[in-house]
Amino acid sequence: QKYPNARITLMDISEKMLEMARRRFADTDQVQYVVGDYTKHAFTS
């Protein structure tokens, strides 16, 4: 809402929580989703 043009990556260990996020952002292609543990993930961006 503050940055309508933002590109956001959501990461969470719970697929079910991210399922709710996918519903929230169903009308935008600016959001990406990563299911995983961010303490172990190999980030490259």
ModelCIF file with pLDDT and N, C-alpha, C, O atoms, coordinates in Angstrom:
data_MODEL
#
_entry.id   MODEL 
#
_entity.id                         1 
_entity.type                       polymer 
_entity.pdbx_number_of_molecules   1 
#
_entity_poly.entity_id                      1 
_entity_poly.type                           'polypeptide(L)' 
_entity_poly.nstd_linkage                   no 
_entity_poly.nstd_monomer                   no 
_entity_poly.pdbx_seq_one_letter_code       QKYPNARITLMDISEKMLEMARRRFADTDQVQYVVGDYTKHAFTS 
_entity_poly.pdbx_seq_one_letter_code_can   QKYPNARITLMDISEKMLEMARRRFADTDQVQYVVGDYTKHAFTS 
_entity_poly.pdbx_strand_id                 A 
#
loop_
_entity_poly_seq.entity_id 
_entity_poly_seq.num 
_entity_poly_seq.mon_id 
_entity_poly_seq.hetero 
1 1  GLN n 
1 2  LYS n 
1 3  TYR n 
1 4  PRO n 
1 5  ASN n 
1 6  ALA n 
1 7  ARG n 
1 8  ILE n 
1 9  THR n 
1 10 LEU n 
1 11 MET n 
1 12 ASP n 
1 13 ILE n 
1 14 SER n 
1 15 GLU n 
1 16 LYS n 
1 17 MET n 
1 18 LEU n 
1 19 GLU n 
1 20 MET n 
1 21 ALA n 
1 22 ARG n 
1 23 ARG n 
1 24 ARG n 
1 25 PHE n 
1 26 ALA n 
1 27 ASP n 
1 28 THR n 
1 29 ASP n 
1 30 GLN n 
1 31 VAL n 
1 32 GLN n 
1 33 TYR n 
1 34 VAL n 
1 35 VAL n 
1 36 GLY n 
1 37 ASP n 
1 38 TYR n 
1 39 THR n 
1 40 LYS n 
1 41 HIS n 
1 42 ALA n 
1 43 PHE n 
1 44 THR n 
1 45 SER n 
#
_struct_asym.id          A 
_struct_asym.entity_id   1 
#
loop_
_ma_qa_metric.id 
_ma_qa_metric.mode 
_ma_qa_metric.name 
_ma_qa_metric.software_group_id 
_ma_qa_metric.type 
1 global pLDDT . pLDDT 
2 local  pLDDT . pLDDT 
#
_ma_qa_metric_global.metric_id      1 
_ma_qa_metric_global.metric_value   94.62 
_ma_qa_metric_global.model_id       1 
_ma_qa_metric_global.ordinal_id     1 
#
loop_
_ma_qa_metric_local.label_asym_id 
_ma_qa_metric_local.label_comp_id 
_ma_qa_metric_local.label_seq_id 
_ma_qa_metric_local.metric_id 
_ma_qa_metric_local.metric_value 
_ma_qa_metric_local.model_id 
_ma_qa_metric_local.ordinal_id 
A GLN 1  2 92.00 1 1  
A LYS 2  2 95.00 1 2  
A TYR 3  2 96.00 1 3  
A PRO 4  2 95.00 1 4  
A ASN 5  2 96.00 1 5  
A ALA 6  2 97.00 1 6  
A ARG 7  2 97.00 1 7  
A ILE 8  2 98.00 1 8  
A THR 9  2 98.00 1 9  
A LEU 10 2 98.00 1 10 
A MET 11 2 98.00 1 11 
A ASP 12 2 96.00 1 12 
A ILE 13 2 93.00 1 13 
A SER 14 2 90.00 1 14 
A GLU 15 2 91.00 1 15 
A LYS 16 2 90.00 1 16 
A MET 17 2 89.00 1 17 
A LEU 18 2 95.00 1 18 
A GLU 19 2 93.00 1 19 
A MET 20 2 91.00 1 20 
A ALA 21 2 94.00 1 21 
A ARG 22 2 95.00 1 22 
A ARG 23 2 93.00 1 23 
A ARG 24 2 92.00 1 24 
A PHE 25 2 94.00 1 25 
A ALA 26 2 94.00 1 26 
A ASP 27 2 93.00 1 27 
A THR 28 2 94.00 1 28 
A ASP 29 2 94.00 1 29 
A GLN 30 2 95.00 1 30 
A VAL 31 2 97.00 1 31 
A GLN 32 2 97.00 1 32 
A TYR 33 2 97.00 1 33 
A VAL 34 2 97.00 1 34 
A VAL 35 2 96.00 1 35 
A GLY 36 2 95.00 1 36 
A ASP 37 2 95.00 1 37 
A TYR 38 2 97.00 1 38 
A THR 39 2 96.00 1 39 
A LYS 40 2 95.00 1 40 
A HIS 41 2 95.00 1 41 
A ALA 42 2 94.00 1 42 
A PHE 43 2 94.00 1 43 
A THR 44 2 92.00 1 44 
A SER 45 2 95.00 1 45 
#
loop_
_atom_site.group_PDB 
_atom_site.id 
_atom_site.type_symbol 
_atom_site.label_atom_id 
_atom_site.label_alt_id 
_atom_site.label_comp_id 
_atom_site.label_asym_id 
_atom_site.label_entity_id 
_atom_site.label_seq_id 
_atom_site.pdbx_PDB_ins_code 
_atom_site.Cartn_x 
_atom_site.Cartn_y 
_atom_site.Cartn_z 
_atom_site.occupancy 
_atom_site.B_iso_or_equiv 
_atom_site.pdbx_formal_charge 
_atom_site.auth_seq_id 
_atom_site.auth_comp_id 
_atom_site.auth_asym_id 
_atom_site.auth_atom_id 
_atom_site.pdbx_PDB_model_num 
ATOM 1   N N  . GLN A 1 1  ? 0.834  -1.195  0.000   1.00 92.00 ? 1  GLN A N  1 
ATOM 2   C CA . GLN A 1 1  ? 0.000  0.000   0.000   1.00 92.00 ? 1  GLN A CA 1 
ATOM 3   C C  . GLN A 1 1  ? 0.873  1.250   0.000   1.00 92.00 ? 1  GLN A C  1 
ATOM 4   O O  . GLN A 1 1  ? 0.516  2.266   -0.597  1.00 92.00 ? 1  GLN A O  1 
ATOM 5   N N  . LYS A 1 2  ? 2.021  1.167   0.676   1.00 95.00 ? 2  LYS A N  1 
ATOM 6   C CA . LYS A 1 2  ? 2.946  2.310   0.724   1.00 95.00 ? 2  LYS A CA 1 
ATOM 7   C C  . LYS A 1 2  ? 3.757  2.410   -0.558  1.00 95.00 ? 2  LYS A C  1 
ATOM 8   O O  . LYS A 1 2  ? 4.002  3.505   -1.065  1.00 95.00 ? 2  LYS A O  1 
ATOM 9   N N  . TYR A 1 3  ? 4.178  1.244   -1.085  1.00 96.00 ? 3  TYR A N  1 
ATOM 10  C CA . TYR A 1 3  ? 4.964  1.192   -2.319  1.00 96.00 ? 3  TYR A CA 1 
ATOM 11  C C  . TYR A 1 3  ? 4.245  0.277   -3.321  1.00 96.00 ? 3  TYR A C  1 
ATOM 12  O O  . TYR A 1 3  ? 4.578  -0.903  -3.426  1.00 96.00 ? 3  TYR A O  1 
ATOM 13  N N  . PRO A 1 4  ? 3.271  0.810   -4.050  1.00 95.00 ? 4  PRO A N  1 
ATOM 14  C CA . PRO A 1 4  ? 2.474  -0.023  -4.961  1.00 95.00 ? 4  PRO A CA 1 
ATOM 15  C C  . PRO A 1 4  ? 3.280  -0.697  -6.061  1.00 95.00 ? 4  PRO A C  1 
ATOM 16  O O  . PRO A 1 4  ? 2.825  -1.678  -6.649  1.00 95.00 ? 4  PRO A O  1 
ATOM 17  N N  . ASN A 1 5  ? 4.485  -0.176  -6.350  1.00 96.00 ? 5  ASN A N  1 
ATOM 18  C CA . ASN A 1 5  ? 5.313  -0.757  -7.415  1.00 96.00 ? 5  ASN A CA 1 
ATOM 19  C C  . ASN A 1 5  ? 6.425  -1.653  -6.869  1.00 96.00 ? 5  ASN A C  1 
ATOM 20  O O  . ASN A 1 5  ? 7.291  -2.099  -7.623  1.00 96.00 ? 5  ASN A O  1 
ATOM 21  N N  . ALA A 1 6  ? 6.403  -1.912  -5.587  1.00 97.00 ? 6  ALA A N  1 
ATOM 22  C CA . ALA A 1 6  ? 7.449  -2.733  -4.973  1.00 97.00 ? 6  ALA A CA 1 
ATOM 23  C C  . ALA A 1 6  ? 7.408  -4.162  -5.512  1.00 97.00 ? 6  ALA A C  1 
ATOM 24  O O  . ALA A 1 6  ? 6.361  -4.663  -5.921  1.00 97.00 ? 6  ALA A O  1 
ATOM 25  N N  . ARG A 1 7  ? 8.566  -4.794  -5.500  1.00 97.00 ? 7  ARG A N  1 
ATOM 26  C CA . ARG A 1 7  ? 8.673  -6.215  -5.839  1.00 97.00 ? 7  ARG A CA 1 
ATOM 27  C C  . ARG A 1 7  ? 9.077  -6.946  -4.560  1.00 97.00 ? 7  ARG A C  1 
ATOM 28  O O  . ARG A 1 7  ? 10.150 -6.701  -4.008  1.00 97.00 ? 7  ARG A O  1 
ATOM 29  N N  . ILE A 1 8  ? 8.225  -7.827  -4.104  1.00 98.00 ? 8  ILE A N  1 
ATOM 30  C CA . ILE A 1 8  ? 8.426  -8.432  -2.788  1.00 98.00 ? 8  ILE A CA 1 
ATOM 31  C C  . ILE A 1 8  ? 8.540  -9.949  -2.891  1.00 98.00 ? 8  ILE A C  1 
ATOM 32  O O  . ILE A 1 8  ? 7.765  -10.600 -3.591  1.00 98.00 ? 8  ILE A O  1 
ATOM 33  N N  . THR A 1 9  ? 9.511  -10.491 -2.187  1.00 98.00 ? 9  THR A N  1 
ATOM 34  C CA . THR A 1 9  ? 9.657  -11.939 -2.049  1.00 98.00 ? 9  THR A CA 1 
ATOM 35  C C  . THR A 1 9  ? 9.274  -12.333 -0.637  1.00 98.00 ? 9  THR A C  1 
ATOM 36  O O  . THR A 1 9  ? 9.854  -11.847 0.334   1.00 98.00 ? 9  THR A O  1 
ATOM 37  N N  . LEU A 1 10 ? 8.296  -13.216 -0.527  1.00 98.00 ? 10 LEU A N  1 
ATOM 38  C CA . LEU A 1 10 ? 7.847  -13.715 0.768   1.00 98.00 ? 10 LEU A CA 1 
ATOM 39  C C  . LEU A 1 10 ? 8.461  -15.084 1.014   1.00 98.00 ? 10 LEU A C  1 
ATOM 40  O O  . LEU A 1 10 ? 8.359  -15.976 0.172   1.00 98.00 ? 10 LEU A O  1 
ATOM 41  N N  . MET A 1 11 ? 9.101  -15.251 2.173   1.00 98.00 ? 11 MET A N  1 
ATOM 42  C CA . MET A 1 11 ? 9.682  -16.550 2.514   1.00 98.00 ? 11 MET A CA 1 
ATOM 43  C C  . MET A 1 11 ? 9.163  -16.999 3.863   1.00 98.00 ? 11 MET A C  1 
ATOM 44  O O  . MET A 1 11 ? 9.159  -16.234 4.827   1.00 98.00 ? 11 MET A O  1 
ATOM 45  N N  . ASP A 1 12 ? 8.722  -18.256 3.923   1.00 96.00 ? 12 ASP A N  1 
ATOM 46  C CA . ASP A 1 12 ? 8.222  -18.809 5.176   1.00 96.00 ? 12 ASP A CA 1 
ATOM 47  C C  . ASP A 1 12 ? 8.383  -20.322 5.162   1.00 96.00 ? 12 ASP A C  1 
ATOM 48  O O  . ASP A 1 12 ? 8.377  -20.948 4.102   1.00 96.00 ? 12 ASP A O  1 
ATOM 49  N N  . ILE A 1 13 ? 8.527  -20.895 6.337   1.00 93.00 ? 13 ILE A N  1 
ATOM 50  C CA . ILE A 1 13 ? 8.683  -22.345 6.453   1.00 93.00 ? 13 ILE A CA 1 
ATOM 51  C C  . ILE A 1 13 ? 7.343  -23.065 6.339   1.00 93.00 ? 13 ILE A C  1 
ATOM 52  O O  . ILE A 1 13 ? 7.301  -24.268 6.082   1.00 93.00 ? 13 ILE A O  1 
ATOM 53  N N  . SER A 1 14 ? 6.247  -22.327 6.532   1.00 90.00 ? 14 SER A N  1 
ATOM 54  C CA . SER A 1 14 ? 4.908  -22.915 6.512   1.00 90.00 ? 14 SER A CA 1 
ATOM 55  C C  . SER A 1 14 ? 4.229  -22.693 5.162   1.00 90.00 ? 14 SER A C  1 
ATOM 56  O O  . SER A 1 14 ? 3.898  -21.562 4.804   1.00 90.00 ? 14 SER A O  1 
ATOM 57  N N  . GLU A 1 15 ? 4.027  -23.774 4.419   1.00 91.00 ? 15 GLU A N  1 
ATOM 58  C CA . GLU A 1 15 ? 3.328  -23.691 3.137   1.00 91.00 ? 15 GLU A CA 1 
ATOM 59  C C  . GLU A 1 15 ? 1.900  -23.193 3.330   1.00 91.00 ? 15 GLU A C  1 
ATOM 60  O O  . GLU A 1 15 ? 1.383  -22.445 2.500   1.00 91.00 ? 15 GLU A O  1 
ATOM 61  N N  . LYS A 1 16 ? 1.263  -23.607 4.426   1.00 90.00 ? 16 LYS A N  1 
ATOM 62  C CA . LYS A 1 16 ? -0.125 -23.201 4.662   1.00 90.00 ? 16 LYS A CA 1 
ATOM 63  C C  . LYS A 1 16 ? -0.235 -21.699 4.902   1.00 90.00 ? 16 LYS A C  1 
ATOM 64  O O  . LYS A 1 16 ? -1.205 -21.071 4.477   1.00 90.00 ? 16 LYS A O  1 
ATOM 65  N N  . MET A 1 17 ? 0.749  -21.127 5.575   1.00 89.00 ? 17 MET A N  1 
ATOM 66  C CA . MET A 1 17 ? 0.732  -19.678 5.768   1.00 89.00 ? 17 MET A CA 1 
ATOM 67  C C  . MET A 1 17 ? 0.902  -18.965 4.423   1.00 89.00 ? 17 MET A C  1 
ATOM 68  O O  . MET A 1 17 ? 0.221  -17.977 4.146   1.00 89.00 ? 17 MET A O  1 
ATOM 69  N N  . LEU A 1 18 ? 1.805  -19.469 3.604   1.00 95.00 ? 18 LEU A N  1 
ATOM 70  C CA . LEU A 1 18 ? 2.015  -18.847 2.296   1.00 95.00 ? 18 LEU A CA 1 
ATOM 71  C C  . LEU A 1 18 ? 0.822  -19.052 1.362   1.00 95.00 ? 18 LEU A C  1 
ATOM 72  O O  . LEU A 1 18 ? 0.601  -18.251 0.454   1.00 95.00 ? 18 LEU A O  1 
ATOM 73  N N  . GLU A 1 19 ? 0.060  -20.110 1.578   1.00 93.00 ? 19 GLU A N  1 
ATOM 74  C CA . GLU A 1 19 ? -1.175 -20.288 0.806   1.00 93.00 ? 19 GLU A CA 1 
ATOM 75  C C  . GLU A 1 19 ? -2.120 -19.118 1.060   1.00 93.00 ? 19 GLU A C  1 
ATOM 76  O O  . GLU A 1 19 ? -2.769 -18.622 0.140   1.00 93.00 ? 19 GLU A O  1 
ATOM 77  N N  . MET A 1 20 ? -2.190 -18.683 2.315   1.00 91.00 ? 20 MET A N  1 
ATOM 78  C CA . MET A 1 20 ? -3.019 -17.526 2.644   1.00 91.00 ? 20 MET A CA 1 
ATOM 79  C C  . MET A 1 20 ? -2.465 -16.266 1.984   1.00 91.00 ? 20 MET A C  1 
ATOM 80  O O  . MET A 1 20 ? -3.226 -15.413 1.527   1.00 91.00 ? 20 MET A O  1 
ATOM 81  N N  . ALA A 1 21 ? -1.137 -16.153 1.935   1.00 94.00 ? 21 ALA A N  1 
ATOM 82  C CA . ALA A 1 21 ? -0.515 -15.000 1.278   1.00 94.00 ? 21 ALA A CA 1 
ATOM 83  C C  . ALA A 1 21 ? -0.835 -14.994 -0.218  1.00 94.00 ? 21 ALA A C  1 
ATOM 84  O O  . ALA A 1 21 ? -1.099 -13.939 -0.794  1.00 94.00 ? 21 ALA A O  1 
ATOM 85  N N  . ARG A 1 22 ? -0.812 -16.164 -0.838  1.00 95.00 ? 22 ARG A N  1 
ATOM 86  C CA . ARG A 1 22 ? -1.132 -16.256 -2.272  1.00 95.00 ? 22 ARG A CA 1 
ATOM 87  C C  . ARG A 1 22 ? -2.550 -15.754 -2.534  1.00 95.00 ? 22 ARG A C  1 
ATOM 88  O O  . ARG A 1 22 ? -2.807 -15.115 -3.554  1.00 95.00 ? 22 ARG A O  1 
ATOM 89  N N  . ARG A 1 23 ? -3.456 -16.040 -1.625  1.00 93.00 ? 23 ARG A N  1 
ATOM 90  C CA . ARG A 1 23 ? -4.825 -15.536 -1.784  1.00 93.00 ? 23 ARG A CA 1 
ATOM 91  C C  . ARG A 1 23 ? -4.856 -14.011 -1.632  1.00 93.00 ? 23 ARG A C  1 
ATOM 92  O O  . ARG A 1 23 ? -5.554 -13.315 -2.369  1.00 93.00 ? 23 ARG A O  1 
ATOM 93  N N  . ARG A 1 24 ? -4.089 -13.512 -0.664  1.00 92.00 ? 24 ARG A N  1 
ATOM 94  C CA . ARG A 1 24 ? -4.046 -12.068 -0.419  1.00 92.00 ? 24 ARG A CA 1 
ATOM 95  C C  . ARG A 1 24 ? -3.563 -11.313 -1.659  1.00 92.00 ? 24 ARG A C  1 
ATOM 96  O O  . ARG A 1 24 ? -4.096 -10.260 -2.008  1.00 92.00 ? 24 ARG A O  1 
ATOM 97  N N  . PHE A 1 25 ? -2.542 -11.871 -2.317  1.00 94.00 ? 25 PHE A N  1 
ATOM 98  C CA . PHE A 1 25 ? -1.914 -11.184 -3.442  1.00 94.00 ? 25 PHE A CA 1 
ATOM 99  C C  . PHE A 1 25 ? -2.280 -11.808 -4.792  1.00 94.00 ? 25 PHE A C  1 
ATOM 100 O O  . PHE A 1 25 ? -1.509 -11.731 -5.749  1.00 94.00 ? 25 PHE A O  1 
ATOM 101 N N  . ALA A 1 26 ? -3.439 -12.415 -4.859  1.00 94.00 ? 26 ALA A N  1 
ATOM 102 C CA . ALA A 1 26 ? -3.850 -13.119 -6.084  1.00 94.00 ? 26 ALA A CA 1 
ATOM 103 C C  . ALA A 1 26 ? -3.950 -12.197 -7.293  1.00 94.00 ? 26 ALA A C  1 
ATOM 104 O O  . ALA A 1 26 ? -3.831 -12.652 -8.430  1.00 94.00 ? 26 ALA A O  1 
ATOM 105 N N  . ASP A 1 27 ? -4.166 -10.913 -7.059  1.00 93.00 ? 27 ASP A N  1 
ATOM 106 C CA . ASP A 1 27 ? -4.377 -9.982  -8.171  1.00 93.00 ? 27 ASP A CA 1 
ATOM 107 C C  . ASP A 1 27 ? -3.109 -9.259  -8.607  1.00 93.00 ? 27 ASP A C  1 
ATOM 108 O O  . ASP A 1 27 ? -3.177 -8.359  -9.444  1.00 93.00 ? 27 ASP A O  1 
ATOM 109 N N  . THR A 1 28 ? -1.959 -9.631  -8.060  1.00 94.00 ? 28 THR A N  1 
ATOM 110 C CA . THR A 1 28 ? -0.721 -8.964  -8.451  1.00 94.00 ? 28 THR A CA 1 
ATOM 111 C C  . THR A 1 28 ? 0.352  -9.975  -8.826  1.00 94.00 ? 28 THR A C  1 
ATOM 112 O O  . THR A 1 28 ? 0.384  -11.087 -8.299  1.00 94.00 ? 28 THR A O  1 
ATOM 113 N N  . ASP A 1 29 ? 1.226  -9.578  -9.740  1.00 94.00 ? 29 ASP A N  1 
ATOM 114 C CA . ASP A 1 29 ? 2.346  -10.430 -10.121 1.00 94.00 ? 29 ASP A CA 1 
ATOM 115 C C  . ASP A 1 29 ? 3.660  -9.892  -9.549  1.00 94.00 ? 29 ASP A C  1 
ATOM 116 O O  . ASP A 1 29 ? 4.738  -10.300 -9.981  1.00 94.00 ? 29 ASP A O  1 
ATOM 117 N N  . GLN A 1 30 ? 3.572  -8.994  -8.597  1.00 95.00 ? 30 GLN A N  1 
ATOM 118 C CA . GLN A 1 30 ? 4.760  -8.373  -8.004  1.00 95.00 ? 30 GLN A CA 1 
ATOM 119 C C  . GLN A 1 30 ? 5.313  -9.162  -6.828  1.00 95.00 ? 30 GLN A C  1 
ATOM 120 O O  . GLN A 1 30 ? 6.351  -8.805  -6.271  1.00 95.00 ? 30 GLN A O  1 
ATOM 121 N N  . VAL A 1 31 ? 4.627  -10.230 -6.450  1.00 97.00 ? 31 VAL A N  1 
ATOM 122 C CA . VAL A 1 31 ? 5.006  -10.984 -5.248  1.00 97.00 ? 31 VAL A CA 1 
ATOM 123 C C  . VAL A 1 31 ? 5.472  -12.376 -5.638  1.00 97.00 ? 31 VAL A C  1 
ATOM 124 O O  . VAL A 1 31 ? 4.818  -13.064 -6.421  1.00 97.00 ? 31 VAL A O  1 
ATOM 125 N N  . GLN A 1 32 ? 6.600  -12.781 -5.087  1.00 97.00 ? 32 GLN A N  1 
ATOM 126 C CA . GLN A 1 32 ? 7.117  -14.129 -5.262  1.00 97.00 ? 32 GLN A CA 1 
ATOM 127 C C  . GLN A 1 32 ? 7.089  -14.853 -3.918  1.00 97.00 ? 32 GLN A C  1 
ATOM 128 O O  . GLN A 1 32 ? 7.091  -14.221 -2.862  1.00 97.00 ? 32 GLN A O  1 
ATOM 129 N N  . TYR A 1 33 ? 7.064  -16.182 -3.971  1.00 97.00 ? 33 TYR A N  1 
ATOM 130 C CA . TYR A 1 33 ? 6.926  -16.986 -2.754  1.00 97.00 ? 33 TYR A CA 1 
ATOM 131 C C  . TYR A 1 33 ? 8.021  -18.046 -2.700  1.00 97.00 ? 33 TYR A C  1 
ATOM 132 O O  . TYR A 1 33 ? 8.310  -18.715 -3.692  1.00 97.00 ? 33 TYR A O  1 
ATOM 133 N N  . VAL A 1 34 ? 8.616  -18.183 -1.532  1.00 97.00 ? 34 VAL A N  1 
ATOM 134 C CA . VAL A 1 34 ? 9.633  -19.209 -1.313  1.00 97.00 ? 34 VAL A CA 1 
ATOM 135 C C  . VAL A 1 34 ? 9.286  -19.951 -0.031  1.00 97.00 ? 34 VAL A C  1 
ATOM 136 O O  . VAL A 1 34 ? 9.250  -19.361 1.048   1.00 97.00 ? 34 VAL A O  1 
ATOM 137 N N  . VAL A 1 35 ? 9.031  -21.255 -0.158  1.00 96.00 ? 35 VAL A N  1 
ATOM 138 C CA . VAL A 1 35 ? 8.780  -22.081 1.016   1.00 96.00 ? 35 VAL A CA 1 
ATOM 139 C C  . VAL A 1 35 ? 10.126 -22.627 1.486   1.00 96.00 ? 35 VAL A C  1 
ATOM 140 O O  . VAL A 1 35 ? 10.804 -23.339 0.746   1.00 96.00 ? 35 VAL A O  1 
ATOM 141 N N  . GLY A 1 36 ? 10.504 -22.298 2.699   1.00 95.00 ? 36 GLY A N  1 
ATOM 142 C CA . GLY A 1 36 ? 11.790 -22.775 3.181   1.00 95.00 ? 36 GLY A CA 1 
ATOM 143 C C  . GLY A 1 36 ? 12.203 -22.116 4.475   1.00 95.00 ? 36 GLY A C  1 
ATOM 144 O O  . GLY A 1 36 ? 11.557 -21.186 4.957   1.00 95.00 ? 36 GLY A O  1 
ATOM 145 N N  . ASP A 1 37 ? 13.293 -22.617 5.028   1.00 95.00 ? 37 ASP A N  1 
ATOM 146 C CA . ASP A 1 37 ? 13.860 -22.136 6.281   1.00 95.00 ? 37 ASP A CA 1 
ATOM 147 C C  . ASP A 1 37 ? 14.925 -21.094 5.953   1.00 95.00 ? 37 ASP A C  1 
ATOM 148 O O  . ASP A 1 37 ? 15.969 -21.429 5.393   1.00 95.00 ? 37 ASP A O  1 
ATOM 149 N N  . TYR A 1 38 ? 14.669 -19.838 6.296   1.00 97.00 ? 38 TYR A N  1 
ATOM 150 C CA . TYR A 1 38 ? 15.606 -18.786 5.899   1.00 97.00 ? 38 TYR A CA 1 
ATOM 151 C C  . TYR A 1 38 ? 16.924 -18.835 6.663   1.00 97.00 ? 38 TYR A C  1 
ATOM 152 O O  . TYR A 1 38 ? 17.861 -18.121 6.307   1.00 97.00 ? 38 TYR A O  1 
ATOM 153 N N  . THR A 1 39 ? 17.020 -19.659 7.703   1.00 96.00 ? 39 THR A N  1 
ATOM 154 C CA . THR A 1 39 ? 18.302 -19.815 8.388   1.00 96.00 ? 39 THR A CA 1 
ATOM 155 C C  . THR A 1 39 ? 19.247 -20.724 7.600   1.00 96.00 ? 39 THR A C  1 
ATOM 156 O O  . THR A 1 39 ? 20.450 -20.751 7.861   1.00 96.00 ? 39 THR A O  1 
ATOM 157 N N  . LYS A 1 40 ? 18.696 -21.473 6.630   1.00 95.00 ? 40 LYS A N  1 
ATOM 158 C CA . LYS A 1 40 ? 19.507 -22.426 5.875   1.00 95.00 ? 40 LYS A CA 1 
ATOM 159 C C  . LYS A 1 40 ? 19.521 -22.139 4.374   1.00 95.00 ? 40 LYS A C  1 
ATOM 160 O O  . LYS A 1 40 ? 20.302 -22.740 3.635   1.00 95.00 ? 40 LYS A O  1 
ATOM 161 N N  . HIS A 1 41 ? 18.675 -21.237 3.926   1.00 95.00 ? 41 HIS A N  1 
ATOM 162 C CA . HIS A 1 41 ? 18.518 -20.985 2.489   1.00 95.00 ? 41 HIS A CA 1 
ATOM 163 C C  . HIS A 1 41 ? 19.758 -20.319 1.892   1.00 95.00 ? 41 HIS A C  1 
ATOM 164 O O  . HIS A 1 41 ? 20.378 -19.467 2.529   1.00 95.00 ? 41 HIS A O  1 
ATOM 165 N N  . ALA A 1 42 ? 20.109 -20.702 0.690   1.00 94.00 ? 42 ALA A N  1 
ATOM 166 C CA . ALA A 1 42 ? 21.239 -20.101 -0.027  1.00 94.00 ? 42 ALA A CA 1 
ATOM 167 C C  . ALA A 1 42 ? 20.724 -18.927 -0.863  1.00 94.00 ? 42 ALA A C  1 
ATOM 168 O O  . ALA A 1 42 ? 20.318 -19.112 -2.010  1.00 94.00 ? 42 ALA A O  1 
ATOM 169 N N  . PHE A 1 43 ? 20.740 -17.741 -0.299  1.00 94.00 ? 43 PHE A N  1 
ATOM 170 C CA . PHE A 1 43 ? 20.253 -16.556 -0.999  1.00 94.00 ? 43 PHE A CA 1 
ATOM 171 C C  . PHE A 1 43 ? 21.264 -16.098 -2.037  1.00 94.00 ? 43 PHE A C  1 
ATOM 172 O O  . PHE A 1 43 ? 22.473 -16.173 -1.818  1.00 94.00 ? 43 PHE A O  1 
ATOM 173 N N  . THR A 1 44 ? 20.756 -15.623 -3.168  1.00 92.00 ? 44 THR A N  1 
ATOM 174 C CA . THR A 1 44 ? 21.643 -15.157 -4.240  1.00 92.00 ? 44 THR A CA 1 
ATOM 175 C C  . THR A 1 44 ? 21.298 -13.743 -4.702  1.00 92.00 ? 44 THR A C  1 
ATOM 176 O O  . THR A 1 44 ? 22.038 -13.165 -5.498  1.00 92.00 ? 44 THR A O  1 
ATOM 177 N N  . SER A 1 45 ? 20.205 -13.180 -4.226  1.00 95.00 ? 45 SER A N  1 
ATOM 178 C CA . SER A 1 45 ? 19.763 -11.856 -4.681  1.00 95.00 ? 45 SER A CA 1 
ATOM 179 C C  . SER A 1 45 ? 20.130 -10.782 -3.665  1.00 95.00 ? 45 SER A C  1 
ATOM 180 O O  . SER A 1 45 ? 19.838 -9.605  -3.878  1.00 95.00 ? 45 SER A O  1 
#
